[in-house]
Amino acid sequence: MAVKYVTVQQHDFRNPDKPRYIAQCKSRGHVDVRDISRDLSHASTLNAADIVAVIEGLIHTIGHALSDGYIVKLGDFGSFYLALEADSKNTPKEVNAHSIKGCKVYFRAGKELVRTLAETSFSTK
């Protein structure tokens, strides 16, 4: 099945009089843990409840590993890592824990996931 897209107008700051248009993904909805666990249970000997328990445990473990400063690598699926949101300072001595506003979790897709997505087809909505 193809990924649907819509055409949207984008403001061009360099040339405001001339509009630009880009393709933007159009979501079909969402897939949640129950959907994933149901699909995986049909492809394995585990039941859906066991798979939900594994996914919940994975979320918990990833969160703790990230908060302990680790990069979490999940093989060909990809890696999760943190990036800090911090105020810039004029000197290195001014940088401290108080200059950090927070952090964001980032995901970098692994080779197999990238390879799968490379085969994606697209069609207009």
C-alpha atoms as a PDB file:
ATOM      1  CA  MET A   1       0.000   0.000   0.000  1.00  0.00           C
ATOM      2  CA  ALA A   2       1.302   3.455  -0.861  1.00  0.00           C
ATOM      3  CA  VAL A   3       1.861   6.381   1.476  1.00  0.00           C
ATOM      4  CA  LYS A   4      -0.715   9.070   0.698  1.00  0.00           C
ATOM      5  CA  TYR A   5       0.353  12.690   0.375  1.00  0.00           C
ATOM      6  CA  VAL A   6      -1.242  16.081  -0.095  1.00  0.00           C
ATOM      7  CA  THR A   7       0.182  19.183  -1.737  1.00  0.00           C
ATOM      8  CA  VAL A   8       0.539  22.156   0.597  1.00  0.00           C
ATOM      9  CA  GLN A   9       1.642  25.712  -0.001  1.00  0.00           C
ATOM     10  CA  GLN A  10       4.808  26.724   1.804  1.00  0.00           C
ATOM     11  CA  HIS A  11       5.885  30.290   2.479  1.00  0.00           C
ATOM     12  CA  ASP A  12       9.164  31.210   0.787  1.00  0.00           C
ATOM     13  CA  PHE A  13      10.971  33.739   2.994  1.00  0.00           C
ATOM     14  CA  ARG A  14      13.488  34.576   0.250  1.00  0.00           C
ATOM     15  CA  ASN A  15      10.812  35.296  -2.311  1.00  0.00           C
ATOM     16  CA  PRO A  16       7.507  36.020  -0.503  1.00  0.00           C
ATOM     17  CA  ASP A  17       5.667  36.964  -3.711  1.00  0.00           C
ATOM     18  CA  LYS A  18       6.186  33.541  -5.270  1.00  0.00           C
ATOM     19  CA  PRO A  19       4.552  30.622  -3.421  1.00  0.00           C
ATOM     20  CA  ARG A  20       6.181  27.192  -3.199  1.00  0.00           C
ATOM     21  CA  TYR A  21       4.464  23.858  -2.913  1.00  0.00           C
ATOM     22  CA  ILE A  22       5.624  20.660  -1.234  1.00  0.00           C
ATOM     23  CA  ALA A  23       4.302  17.139  -0.734  1.00  0.00           C
ATOM     24  CA  GLN A  24       3.284  16.359   2.849  1.00  0.00           C
ATOM     25  CA  CYS A  25       2.418  12.912   4.261  1.00  0.00           C
ATOM     26  CA  LYS A  26      -1.244  12.324   4.936  1.00  0.00           C
ATOM     27  CA  SER A  27      -1.734   9.979   7.877  1.00  0.00           C
ATOM     28  CA  ARG A  28      -4.220   7.125   7.586  1.00  0.00           C
ATOM     29  CA  GLY A  29      -4.629   7.177  11.372  1.00  0.00           C
ATOM     30  CA  HIS A  30      -2.532   5.518  14.033  1.00  0.00           C
ATOM     31  CA  VAL A  31      -1.365   2.086  15.083  1.00  0.00           C
ATOM     32  CA  ASP A  32      -1.151   1.552  18.839  1.00  0.00           C
ATOM     33  CA  VAL A  33       0.398  -1.068  21.107  1.00  0.00           C
ATOM     34  CA  ARG A  34      -2.713  -3.257  20.929  1.00  0.00           C
ATOM     35  CA  ASP A  35      -2.640  -3.273  17.122  1.00  0.00           C
ATOM     36  CA  ILE A  36       1.061  -4.104  17.058  1.00  0.00           C
ATOM     37  CA  SER A  37       0.731  -6.800  19.710  1.00  0.00           C
ATOM     38  CA  ARG A  38      -2.202  -8.392  17.878  1.00  0.00           C
ATOM     39  CA  ASP A  39      -0.219  -8.466  14.606  1.00  0.00           C
ATOM     40  CA  LEU A  40       2.900  -9.855  16.298  1.00  0.00           C
ATOM     41  CA  SER A  41       0.930 -12.529  18.146  1.00  0.00           C
ATOM     42  CA  HIS A  42      -0.240 -13.924  14.807  1.00  0.00           C
ATOM     43  CA  ALA A  43       3.373 -14.102  13.615  1.00  0.00           C
ATOM     44  CA  SER A  44       4.757 -15.792  16.749  1.00  0.00           C
ATOM     45  CA  THR A  45       3.945 -18.248  19.518  1.00  0.00           C
ATOM     46  CA  LEU A  46       3.370 -15.427  22.022  1.00  0.00           C
ATOM     47  CA  ASN A  47      -0.076 -14.136  22.826  1.00  0.00           C
ATOM     48  CA  ALA A  48      -0.977 -10.446  22.577  1.00  0.00           C
ATOM     49  CA  ALA A  49      -0.788  -9.897  26.360  1.00  0.00           C
ATOM     50  CA  ASP A  50       2.788 -11.222  26.479  1.00  0.00           C
ATOM     51  CA  ILE A  51       3.806  -8.930  23.646  1.00  0.00           C
ATOM     52  CA  VAL A  52       2.207  -5.900  25.359  1.00  0.00           C
ATOM     53  CA  ALA A  53       4.170  -6.761  28.507  1.00  0.00           C
ATOM     54  CA  VAL A  54       7.416  -6.913  26.503  1.00  0.00           C
ATOM     55  CA  ILE A  55       6.699  -3.570  24.797  1.00  0.00           C
ATOM     56  CA  GLU A  56       5.864  -1.908  28.143  1.00  0.00           C
ATOM     57  CA  GLY A  57       9.063  -3.336  29.624  1.00  0.00           C
ATOM     58  CA  LEU A  58      11.056  -2.083  26.640  1.00  0.00           C
ATOM     59  CA  ILE A  59       9.665   1.438  27.053  1.00  0.00           C
ATOM     60  CA  HIS A  60      10.552   1.391  30.751  1.00  0.00           C
ATOM     61  CA  THR A  61      14.061   0.053  30.119  1.00  0.00           C
ATOM     62  CA  ILE A  62      14.782   2.513  27.289  1.00  0.00           C
ATOM     63  CA  GLY A  63      13.690   5.433  29.477  1.00  0.00           C
ATOM     64  CA  HIS A  64      15.979   4.390  32.320  1.00  0.00           C
ATOM     65  CA  ALA A  65      18.948   3.764  30.030  1.00  0.00           C
ATOM     66  CA  LEU A  66      18.516   7.184  28.362  1.00  0.00           C
ATOM     67  CA  SER A  67      18.200   8.947  31.711  1.00  0.00           C
ATOM     68  CA  ASP A  68      21.418   7.216  32.806  1.00  0.00           C
ATOM     69  CA  GLY A  69      23.205   8.718  29.783  1.00  0.00           C
ATOM     70  CA  TYR A  70      23.300   5.722  27.451  1.00  0.00           C
ATOM     71  CA  ILE A  71      22.530   5.509  23.744  1.00  0.00           C
ATOM     72  CA  VAL A  72      20.056   2.662  23.269  1.00  0.00           C
ATOM     73  CA  LYS A  73      20.814   0.565  20.178  1.00  0.00           C
ATOM     74  CA  LEU A  74      18.142  -1.879  19.038  1.00  0.00           C
ATOM     75  CA  GLY A  75      20.001  -3.544  16.167  1.00  0.00           C
ATOM     76  CA  ASP A  76      18.535  -3.039  12.712  1.00  0.00           C
ATOM     77  CA  PHE A  77      15.541  -1.227  14.204  1.00  0.00           C
ATOM     78  CA  GLY A  78      17.616   1.819  15.195  1.00  0.00           C
ATOM     79  CA  SER A  79      18.964   3.857  18.093  1.00  0.00           C
ATOM     80  CA  PHE A  80      17.507   6.241  20.661  1.00  0.00           C
ATOM     81  CA  TYR A  81      19.618   9.050  22.103  1.00  0.00           C
ATOM     82  CA  LEU A  82      19.215  12.306  24.019  1.00  0.00           C
ATOM     83  CA  ALA A  83      20.043  15.841  22.952  1.00  0.00           C
ATOM     84  CA  LEU A  84      20.099  18.726  25.424  1.00  0.00           C
ATOM     85  CA  GLU A  85      18.197  21.986  25.065  1.00  0.00           C
ATOM     86  CA  ALA A  86      20.426  24.582  26.691  1.00  0.00           C
ATOM     87  CA  ASP A  87      21.007  28.330  26.815  1.00  0.00           C
ATOM     88  CA  SER A  88      24.240  29.465  25.200  1.00  0.00           C
ATOM     89  CA  LYS A  89      26.770  31.199  27.429  1.00  0.00           C
ATOM     90  CA  ASN A  90      29.720  33.479  26.708  1.00  0.00           C
ATOM     91  CA  THR A  91      32.342  31.419  28.537  1.00  0.00           C
ATOM     92  CA  PRO A  92      32.767  27.733  29.365  1.00  0.00           C
ATOM     93  CA  LYS A  93      32.661  28.526  33.107  1.00  0.00           C
ATOM     94  CA  GLU A  94      29.122  29.889  32.741  1.00  0.00           C
ATOM     95  CA  VAL A  95      27.831  26.584  31.385  1.00  0.00           C
ATOM     96  CA  ASN A  96      26.320  24.479  34.169  1.00  0.00           C
ATOM     97  CA  ALA A  97      23.282  22.344  34.954  1.00  0.00           C
ATOM     98  CA  HIS A  98      21.151  25.484  35.378  1.00  0.00           C
ATOM     99  CA  SER A  99      21.760  26.447  31.732  1.00  0.00           C
ATOM    100  CA  ILE A 100      20.102  23.195  30.599  1.00  0.00           C
ATOM    101  CA  LYS A 101      16.394  23.684  29.892  1.00  0.00           C
ATOM    102  CA  GLY A 102      15.623  20.049  29.170  1.00  0.00           C
ATOM    103  CA  CYS A 103      16.266  17.286  26.716  1.00  0.00           C
ATOM    104  CA  LYS A 104      14.668  15.624  23.706  1.00  0.00           C
ATOM    105  CA  VAL A 105      14.682  11.993  22.673  1.00  0.00           C
ATOM    106  CA  TYR A 106      15.823  11.353  19.119  1.00  0.00           C
ATOM    107  CA  PHE A 107      15.570   8.202  17.039  1.00  0.00           C
ATOM    108  CA  ARG A 108      17.916   7.215  14.231  1.00  0.00           C
ATOM    109  CA  ALA A 109      16.550   4.422  12.060  1.00  0.00           C
ATOM    110  CA  GLY A 110      18.678   1.323  11.573  1.00  0.00           C
ATOM    111  CA  LYS A 111      19.747  -0.190   8.249  1.00  0.00           C
ATOM    112  CA  GLU A 112      16.869  -2.660   7.944  1.00  0.00           C
ATOM    113  CA  LEU A 113      14.222  -0.040   8.720  1.00  0.00           C
ATOM    114  CA  VAL A 114      15.802   2.376   6.215  1.00  0.00           C
ATOM    115  CA  ARG A 115      15.923  -0.387   3.601  1.00  0.00           C
ATOM    116  CA  THR A 116      12.236  -1.180   4.169  1.00  0.00           C
ATOM    117  CA  LEU A 117      11.258   2.482   3.863  1.00  0.00           C
ATOM    118  CA  ALA A 118      13.322   2.861   0.676  1.00  0.00           C
ATOM    119  CA  GLU A 119      10.803   0.533  -1.001  1.00  0.00           C
ATOM    120  CA  THR A 120       7.851   2.782  -0.094  1.00  0.00           C
ATOM    121  CA  SER A 121       5.639   4.017  -2.893  1.00  0.00           C
ATOM    122  CA  PHE A 122       3.648   7.258  -2.847  1.00  0.00           C
ATOM    123  CA  SER A 123       0.283   8.318  -4.211  1.00  0.00           C
ATOM    124  CA  THR A 124      -1.832  11.413  -3.990  1.00  0.00           C
ATOM    125  CA  LYS A 125      -4.734  11.463  -1.571  1.00  0.00           C
END
